[in-house]
């Protein structure tokens, strides 16, 4: 066996491990986000954050109607694929290049804040035409907590767990 074959097999195993880690961390973080917004937040006396209102509005603005199940699908694709890609392709390399000694929790809080800006400014305002940050209502702050929780749970899974 050549070193090239061993290197290729090792690289393939690393990619598989990274994909499994991203899916695990994304799934766990999405469950936490979904538990926080529609369930725990109202139980604690705060506003309810619907996980599908924004995707529904986005689809309606872009395509005229939202077929059944499509908003949920977009929500899960975002939590399982898009946000994890943002961590591994943008956030993690920047973090490791600029401040490698910074603990992952602080990087995750910053990422959660960026996700919140993306959701409530880029998607809500620039794409759907809703007020920026949904007019800074109570739901705005519930969404901030939800996105930071998502990022913390995702980063925990991505930075402390590996599957082989």
C-alpha atoms as a PDB file:
ATOM      1  CA  UNK A   1       0.000   0.000   0.000  1.00  0.00           C
ATOM      2  CA  UNK A   2       1.319   3.422  -0.875  1.00  0.00           C
ATOM      3  CA  UNK A   3       1.298   6.504   1.298  1.00  0.00           C
ATOM      4  CA  UNK A   4      -1.077   8.103  -1.224  1.00  0.00           C
ATOM      5  CA  UNK A   5      -3.712   5.393  -0.639  1.00  0.00           C
ATOM      6  CA  UNK A   6      -3.371   5.689   3.132  1.00  0.00           C
ATOM      7  CA  UNK A   7      -3.600   9.477   2.894  1.00  0.00           C
ATOM      8  CA  UNK A   8      -6.694   9.290   0.686  1.00  0.00           C
ATOM      9  CA  UNK A   9      -8.381   6.836   3.058  1.00  0.00           C
ATOM     10  CA  UNK A  10      -7.503   9.058   6.054  1.00  0.00           C
ATOM     11  CA  UNK A  11      -8.858  12.150   4.252  1.00  0.00           C
ATOM     12  CA  UNK A  12     -12.070  10.312   3.367  1.00  0.00           C
ATOM     13  CA  UNK A  13     -12.510   9.225   6.984  1.00  0.00           C
ATOM     14  CA  UNK A  14     -11.996  12.832   8.137  1.00  0.00           C
ATOM     15  CA  UNK A  15     -14.657  14.072   5.696  1.00  0.00           C
ATOM     16  CA  UNK A  16     -17.102  11.412   6.890  1.00  0.00           C
ATOM     17  CA  UNK A  17     -16.393  12.305  10.496  1.00  0.00           C
ATOM     18  CA  UNK A  18     -16.897  16.009   9.770  1.00  0.00           C
ATOM     19  CA  UNK A  19     -20.214  15.361   7.980  1.00  0.00           C
ATOM     20  CA  UNK A  20     -21.510  13.165  10.814  1.00  0.00           C
ATOM     21  CA  UNK A  21     -20.376  15.717  13.382  1.00  0.00           C
ATOM     22  CA  UNK A  22     -22.086  18.563  11.486  1.00  0.00           C
ATOM     23  CA  UNK A  23     -25.326  16.587  11.130  1.00  0.00           C
ATOM     24  CA  UNK A  24     -25.320  15.565  14.798  1.00  0.00           C
ATOM     25  CA  UNK A  25     -24.532  19.071  16.039  1.00  0.00           C
ATOM     26  CA  UNK A  26     -26.992  20.687  13.602  1.00  0.00           C
ATOM     27  CA  UNK A  27     -29.781  18.301  14.584  1.00  0.00           C
ATOM     28  CA  UNK A  28     -29.220  18.807  18.301  1.00  0.00           C
ATOM     29  CA  UNK A  29     -28.997  22.595  17.914  1.00  0.00           C
ATOM     30  CA  UNK A  30     -32.177  22.667  15.801  1.00  0.00           C
ATOM     31  CA  UNK A  31     -34.042  20.655  18.439  1.00  0.00           C
ATOM     32  CA  UNK A  32     -32.909  23.135  21.110  1.00  0.00           C
ATOM     33  CA  UNK A  33     -33.967  26.100  18.936  1.00  0.00           C
ATOM     34  CA  UNK A  34     -37.344  24.449  18.287  1.00  0.00           C
ATOM     35  CA  UNK A  35     -37.778  23.664  21.973  1.00  0.00           C
ATOM     36  CA  UNK A  36     -36.915  27.227  23.033  1.00  0.00           C
ATOM     37  CA  UNK A  37     -39.028  29.335  20.658  1.00  0.00           C
ATOM     38  CA  UNK A  38     -42.402  27.621  20.442  1.00  0.00           C
ATOM     39  CA  UNK A  39     -42.317  25.749  23.775  1.00  0.00           C
ATOM     40  CA  UNK A  40     -40.120  26.975  26.601  1.00  0.00           C
ATOM     41  CA  UNK A  41     -40.331  30.706  25.881  1.00  0.00           C
ATOM     42  CA  UNK A  42     -44.157  30.851  26.217  1.00  0.00           C
ATOM     43  CA  UNK A  43     -44.056  28.561  29.260  1.00  0.00           C
ATOM     44  CA  UNK A  44     -41.731  31.111  30.896  1.00  0.00           C
ATOM     45  CA  UNK A  45     -44.182  33.904  30.079  1.00  0.00           C
ATOM     46  CA  UNK A  46     -42.435  35.299  27.013  1.00  0.00           C
ATOM     47  CA  UNK A  47     -43.568  35.525  23.403  1.00  0.00           C
ATOM     48  CA  UNK A  48     -43.844  32.445  21.225  1.00  0.00           C
ATOM     49  CA  UNK A  49     -41.394  32.235  18.345  1.00  0.00           C
ATOM     50  CA  UNK A  50     -42.836  30.324  15.413  1.00  0.00           C
ATOM     51  CA  UNK A  51     -40.130  28.407  13.586  1.00  0.00           C
ATOM     52  CA  UNK A  52     -42.020  28.446  10.273  1.00  0.00           C
ATOM     53  CA  UNK A  53     -43.580  31.915   9.972  1.00  0.00           C
ATOM     54  CA  UNK A  54     -40.455  33.486   8.468  1.00  0.00           C
ATOM     55  CA  UNK A  55     -39.791  30.647   5.984  1.00  0.00           C
ATOM     56  CA  UNK A  56     -43.478  30.704   5.025  1.00  0.00           C
ATOM     57  CA  UNK A  57     -43.403  34.454   4.398  1.00  0.00           C
ATOM     58  CA  UNK A  58     -40.167  34.157   2.430  1.00  0.00           C
ATOM     59  CA  UNK A  59     -41.593  31.454   0.162  1.00  0.00           C
ATOM     60  CA  UNK A  60     -44.818  33.418  -0.353  1.00  0.00           C
ATOM     61  CA  UNK A  61     -42.897  36.580  -1.272  1.00  0.00           C
ATOM     62  CA  UNK A  62     -40.566  34.756  -3.650  1.00  0.00           C
ATOM     63  CA  UNK A  63     -42.995  32.270  -5.225  1.00  0.00           C
ATOM     64  CA  UNK A  64     -46.533  33.394  -4.422  1.00  0.00           C
ATOM     65  CA  UNK A  65     -47.507  30.491  -2.200  1.00  0.00           C
ATOM     66  CA  UNK A  66     -45.944  28.080   0.266  1.00  0.00           C
ATOM     67  CA  UNK A  67     -46.774  24.439  -0.448  1.00  0.00           C
ATOM     68  CA  UNK A  68     -47.487  22.336   2.625  1.00  0.00           C
ATOM     69  CA  UNK A  69     -44.289  21.188   4.305  1.00  0.00           C
ATOM     70  CA  UNK A  70     -41.989  23.538   2.401  1.00  0.00           C
ATOM     71  CA  UNK A  71     -41.473  26.044   5.263  1.00  0.00           C
ATOM     72  CA  UNK A  72     -40.599  23.210   7.622  1.00  0.00           C
ATOM     73  CA  UNK A  73     -38.206  21.755   5.049  1.00  0.00           C
ATOM     74  CA  UNK A  74     -36.451  25.120   4.684  1.00  0.00           C
ATOM     75  CA  UNK A  75     -36.234  25.428   8.470  1.00  0.00           C
ATOM     76  CA  UNK A  76     -34.612  21.992   8.799  1.00  0.00           C
ATOM     77  CA  UNK A  77     -32.261  22.481   5.830  1.00  0.00           C
ATOM     78  CA  UNK A  78     -31.151  25.736   7.427  1.00  0.00           C
ATOM     79  CA  UNK A  79     -30.507  24.122  10.819  1.00  0.00           C
ATOM     80  CA  UNK A  80     -28.955  20.907   9.539  1.00  0.00           C
ATOM     81  CA  UNK A  81     -26.955  22.153   6.538  1.00  0.00           C
ATOM     82  CA  UNK A  82     -26.766  25.918   5.951  1.00  0.00           C
ATOM     83  CA  UNK A  83     -25.889  27.132   9.459  1.00  0.00           C
ATOM     84  CA  UNK A  84     -23.386  24.265  10.004  1.00  0.00           C
ATOM     85  CA  UNK A  85     -21.715  25.138   6.688  1.00  0.00           C
ATOM     86  CA  UNK A  86     -21.436  28.722   7.889  1.00  0.00           C
ATOM     87  CA  UNK A  87     -19.606  27.512  10.985  1.00  0.00           C
ATOM     88  CA  UNK A  88     -17.200  25.182   9.192  1.00  0.00           C
ATOM     89  CA  UNK A  89     -16.551  27.281   6.069  1.00  0.00           C
ATOM     90  CA  UNK A  90     -16.549  30.825   7.463  1.00  0.00           C
ATOM     91  CA  UNK A  91     -16.597  31.092  11.259  1.00  0.00           C
ATOM     92  CA  UNK A  92     -14.213  28.320  12.312  1.00  0.00           C
ATOM     93  CA  UNK A  93     -11.438  29.256   9.838  1.00  0.00           C
ATOM     94  CA  UNK A  94     -11.688  32.954  10.785  1.00  0.00           C
ATOM     95  CA  UNK A  95     -11.695  32.119  14.480  1.00  0.00           C
ATOM     96  CA  UNK A  96      -8.673  29.808  14.181  1.00  0.00           C
ATOM     97  CA  UNK A  97      -6.786  32.343  12.012  1.00  0.00           C
ATOM     98  CA  UNK A  98      -7.539  35.480  14.024  1.00  0.00           C
ATOM     99  CA  UNK A  99      -7.997  34.393  17.649  1.00  0.00           C
ATOM    100  CA  UNK A 100      -7.191  30.679  18.023  1.00  0.00           C
ATOM    101  CA  UNK A 101      -6.951  30.925  21.808  1.00  0.00           C
ATOM    102  CA  UNK A 102     -10.500  32.287  22.121  1.00  0.00           C
ATOM    103  CA  UNK A 103     -12.757  29.678  23.703  1.00  0.00           C
ATOM    104  CA  UNK A 104     -15.334  28.155  21.362  1.00  0.00           C
ATOM    105  CA  UNK A 105     -18.219  29.411  23.544  1.00  0.00           C
ATOM    106  CA  UNK A 106     -17.367  33.054  22.840  1.00  0.00           C
ATOM    107  CA  UNK A 107     -17.042  32.351  19.131  1.00  0.00           C
ATOM    108  CA  UNK A 108     -20.408  30.574  19.249  1.00  0.00           C
ATOM    109  CA  UNK A 109     -22.140  33.514  20.964  1.00  0.00           C
ATOM    110  CA  UNK A 110     -20.792  35.822  18.241  1.00  0.00           C
ATOM    111  CA  UNK A 111     -21.971  33.356  15.569  1.00  0.00           C
ATOM    112  CA  UNK A 112     -25.437  33.219  17.161  1.00  0.00           C
ATOM    113  CA  UNK A 113     -25.606  36.998  17.012  1.00  0.00           C
ATOM    114  CA  UNK A 114     -24.636  36.898  13.306  1.00  0.00           C
ATOM    115  CA  UNK A 115     -27.287  34.229  12.634  1.00  0.00           C
ATOM    116  CA  UNK A 116     -29.868  36.463  14.333  1.00  0.00           C
ATOM    117  CA  UNK A 117     -28.860  39.411  12.124  1.00  0.00           C
ATOM    118  CA  UNK A 118     -29.035  37.178   9.057  1.00  0.00           C
ATOM    119  CA  UNK A 119     -32.506  35.873   9.955  1.00  0.00           C
ATOM    120  CA  UNK A 120     -34.105  39.085  11.195  1.00  0.00           C
ATOM    121  CA  UNK A 121     -32.456  41.610   8.898  1.00  0.00           C
ATOM    122  CA  UNK A 122     -31.406  39.834   5.710  1.00  0.00           C
ATOM    123  CA  UNK A 123     -34.275  37.340   5.475  1.00  0.00           C
ATOM    124  CA  UNK A 124     -37.038  39.218   7.330  1.00  0.00           C
ATOM    125  CA  UNK A 125     -36.350  42.677   5.935  1.00  0.00           C
ATOM    126  CA  UNK A 126     -34.289  42.462   2.765  1.00  0.00           C
ATOM    127  CA  UNK A 127     -35.962  39.363   1.315  1.00  0.00           C
ATOM    128  CA  UNK A 128     -39.507  39.407   2.698  1.00  0.00           C
ATOM    129  CA  UNK A 129     -40.040  43.115   3.332  1.00  0.00           C
ATOM    130  CA  UNK A 130     -41.009  42.743   6.974  1.00  0.00           C
ATOM    131  CA  UNK A 131     -39.779  45.439   9.373  1.00  0.00           C
ATOM    132  CA  UNK A 132     -36.054  45.114  10.155  1.00  0.00           C
ATOM    133  CA  UNK A 133     -35.612  42.831  13.165  1.00  0.00           C
ATOM    134  CA  UNK A 134     -39.404  42.424  13.137  1.00  0.00           C
ATOM    135  CA  UNK A 135     -39.747  45.906  14.599  1.00  0.00           C
ATOM    136  CA  UNK A 136     -37.798  45.041  17.755  1.00  0.00           C
ATOM    137  CA  UNK A 137     -40.801  43.381  19.356  1.00  0.00           C
ATOM    138  CA  UNK A 138     -40.559  40.743  22.081  1.00  0.00           C
ATOM    139  CA  UNK A 139     -40.195  38.062  19.394  1.00  0.00           C
ATOM    140  CA  UNK A 140     -36.990  39.808  18.267  1.00  0.00           C
ATOM    141  CA  UNK A 141     -35.329  39.087  21.599  1.00  0.00           C
ATOM    142  CA  UNK A 142     -36.710  35.552  21.804  1.00  0.00           C
ATOM    143  CA  UNK A 143     -35.171  34.978  18.357  1.00  0.00           C
ATOM    144  CA  UNK A 144     -31.836  36.382  19.572  1.00  0.00           C
ATOM    145  CA  UNK A 145     -31.777  33.975  22.505  1.00  0.00           C
ATOM    146  CA  UNK A 146     -32.812  31.129  20.180  1.00  0.00           C
ATOM    147  CA  UNK A 147     -30.057  31.819  17.649  1.00  0.00           C
ATOM    148  CA  UNK A 148     -27.406  32.148  20.361  1.00  0.00           C
ATOM    149  CA  UNK A 149     -28.623  28.888  21.957  1.00  0.00           C
ATOM    150  CA  UNK A 150     -28.514  27.232  18.523  1.00  0.00           C
ATOM    151  CA  UNK A 151     -24.926  28.417  17.962  1.00  0.00           C
ATOM    152  CA  UNK A 152     -23.763  27.369  21.440  1.00  0.00           C
ATOM    153  CA  UNK A 153     -25.252  23.888  21.128  1.00  0.00           C
ATOM    154  CA  UNK A 154     -23.972  23.507  17.570  1.00  0.00           C
ATOM    155  CA  UNK A 155     -20.449  24.636  18.510  1.00  0.00           C
ATOM    156  CA  UNK A 156     -20.449  22.308  21.514  1.00  0.00           C
ATOM    157  CA  UNK A 157     -21.278  19.409  19.212  1.00  0.00           C
ATOM    158  CA  UNK A 158     -18.875  20.500  16.501  1.00  0.00           C
ATOM    159  CA  UNK A 159     -15.929  21.375  18.732  1.00  0.00           C
ATOM    160  CA  UNK A 160     -16.115  18.720  21.451  1.00  0.00           C
ATOM    161  CA  UNK A 161     -17.494  15.677  19.603  1.00  0.00           C
ATOM    162  CA  UNK A 162     -16.113  13.646  16.685  1.00  0.00           C
ATOM    163  CA  UNK A 163     -17.556  10.583  15.016  1.00  0.00           C
ATOM    164  CA  UNK A 164     -15.419   7.995  13.304  1.00  0.00           C
END
